[in-house]
Amino acid sequence: MGVGHKSMTCATCNKSLEDCVGHFGHAKINLPIYHIGYFKHLVVILKMVCKYCSNVLLEPSKIEEYTNKMVRLEKNYIARLVMFKKIFK
């Protein structure tokens, strides 16, 4: 994944800290780790979903209506955020 100290060389490219650009990699962990920046958003989404059937807690007609609106707003991030807040209410 790259060099961690300036006296070391990279095991992938054999370059120093100044020359190594870093490399993709992964680390195995035993427990799930959540990104703190997405935690609030994750909690909101979990409140919107049924714990038994995994469906959104809306009437089927509303689900179809909001799905069509979200598809039309695909590239407009702000409008999608506003729509997401309406669905949550």
Protein backbone atom coordinates (compact mmCIF):
# COMPACT_ATOMS: atom_id res chain seq x y z
CA MET A 1 0.00 0.00 0.00
CA GLY A 2 3.03 2.28 0.08
CA VAL A 3 5.77 3.40 2.41
CA GLY A 4 5.01 4.19 6.05
CA HIS A 5 8.34 5.69 7.10
CA LYS A 6 10.99 7.70 5.26
CA SER A 7 13.80 5.23 6.02
CA MET A 8 11.88 2.33 4.40
CA THR A 9 11.42 1.32 0.76
CA CYS A 10 8.13 0.25 -0.77
CA ALA A 11 7.69 -3.52 -1.03
CA THR A 12 5.70 -3.11 -4.27
CA CYS A 13 7.81 -0.67 -6.32
CA ASN A 14 11.07 -0.54 -4.30
CA LYS A 15 10.96 3.27 -4.16
CA SER A 16 11.44 5.63 -1.22
CA LEU A 17 8.75 7.67 0.54
CA GLU A 18 9.36 10.67 -1.75
CA ASP A 19 9.05 8.62 -4.96
CA CYS A 20 6.37 6.04 -4.15
CA VAL A 21 2.88 7.17 -5.17
CA GLY A 22 1.13 4.57 -2.99
CA HIS A 23 -0.75 1.45 -4.05
CA PHE A 24 -4.23 0.01 -3.63
CA GLY A 25 -4.58 -2.68 -1.04
CA HIS A 26 -6.73 -3.98 1.77
CA ALA A 27 -6.46 -5.02 5.36
CA LYS A 28 -8.51 -7.79 6.97
CA ILE A 29 -10.29 -6.78 10.16
CA ASN A 30 -12.49 -8.79 12.53
CA LEU A 31 -15.19 -6.19 13.20
CA PRO A 32 -17.16 -3.85 10.94
CA ILE A 33 -15.97 -0.23 10.84
CA TYR A 34 -18.34 2.61 9.96
CA HIS A 35 -17.23 5.89 8.42
CA ILE A 36 -18.23 8.60 10.91
CA GLY A 37 -19.14 10.97 8.06
CA TYR A 38 -21.94 8.65 6.93
CA PHE A 39 -23.18 7.53 10.34
CA LYS A 40 -26.03 10.06 10.70
CA HIS A 41 -27.21 9.34 7.15
CA LEU A 42 -27.08 5.59 7.81
CA VAL A 43 -29.26 5.93 10.92
CA VAL A 44 -31.84 7.93 8.93
CA ILE A 45 -31.95 5.26 6.22
CA LEU A 46 -32.34 2.47 8.77
CA LYS A 47 -35.31 4.32 10.30
CA MET A 48 -36.97 4.37 6.85
CA VAL A 49 -36.73 0.60 6.26
CA CYS A 50 -38.83 -2.21 7.73
CA LYS A 51 -36.72 -4.47 9.92
CA TYR A 52 -38.63 -7.61 8.84
CA CYS A 53 -39.16 -7.27 5.07
CA SER A 54 -36.50 -4.64 4.18
CA ASN A 55 -39.02 -2.48 2.30
CA VAL A 56 -39.25 1.29 2.57
CA LEU A 57 -41.94 2.29 5.08
CA LEU A 58 -44.22 3.91 2.50
CA GLU A 59 -47.38 2.92 0.67
CA PRO A 60 -46.65 1.15 -2.66
CA SER A 61 -48.11 4.05 -4.67
CA LYS A 62 -45.83 6.54 -2.86
CA ILE A 63 -42.79 4.30 -3.46
CA GLU A 64 -43.44 4.32 -7.21
CA GLU A 65 -44.07 8.09 -7.22
CA TYR A 66 -40.86 8.90 -5.31
CA THR A 67 -38.83 6.41 -7.37
CA ASN A 68 -39.90 8.12 -10.61
CA LYS A 69 -39.04 11.55 -9.16
CA MET A 70 -35.62 10.38 -7.95
CA VAL A 71 -34.80 8.92 -11.37
CA ARG A 72 -35.60 12.26 -13.01
CA LEU A 73 -33.41 14.09 -10.46
CA GLU A 74 -30.48 11.69 -10.95
CA LYS A 75 -27.83 14.34 -11.61
CA ASN A 76 -29.18 17.11 -9.36
CA TYR A 77 -27.69 16.37 -5.93
CA ILE A 78 -29.45 19.19 -4.04
CA ALA A 79 -32.88 18.29 -5.43
CA ARG A 80 -32.29 14.63 -4.54
CA LEU A 81 -31.35 15.62 -1.00
CA VAL A 82 -34.56 17.65 -0.66
CA MET A 83 -36.55 14.69 -2.03
CA PHE A 84 -34.82 12.34 0.43
CA LYS A 85 -35.87 14.60 3.32
CA LYS A 86 -39.50 14.59 2.06
CA ILE A 87 -39.47 10.79 1.93
CA PHE A 88 -38.10 10.65 5.48
CA LYS A 89 -40.90 12.87 6.81
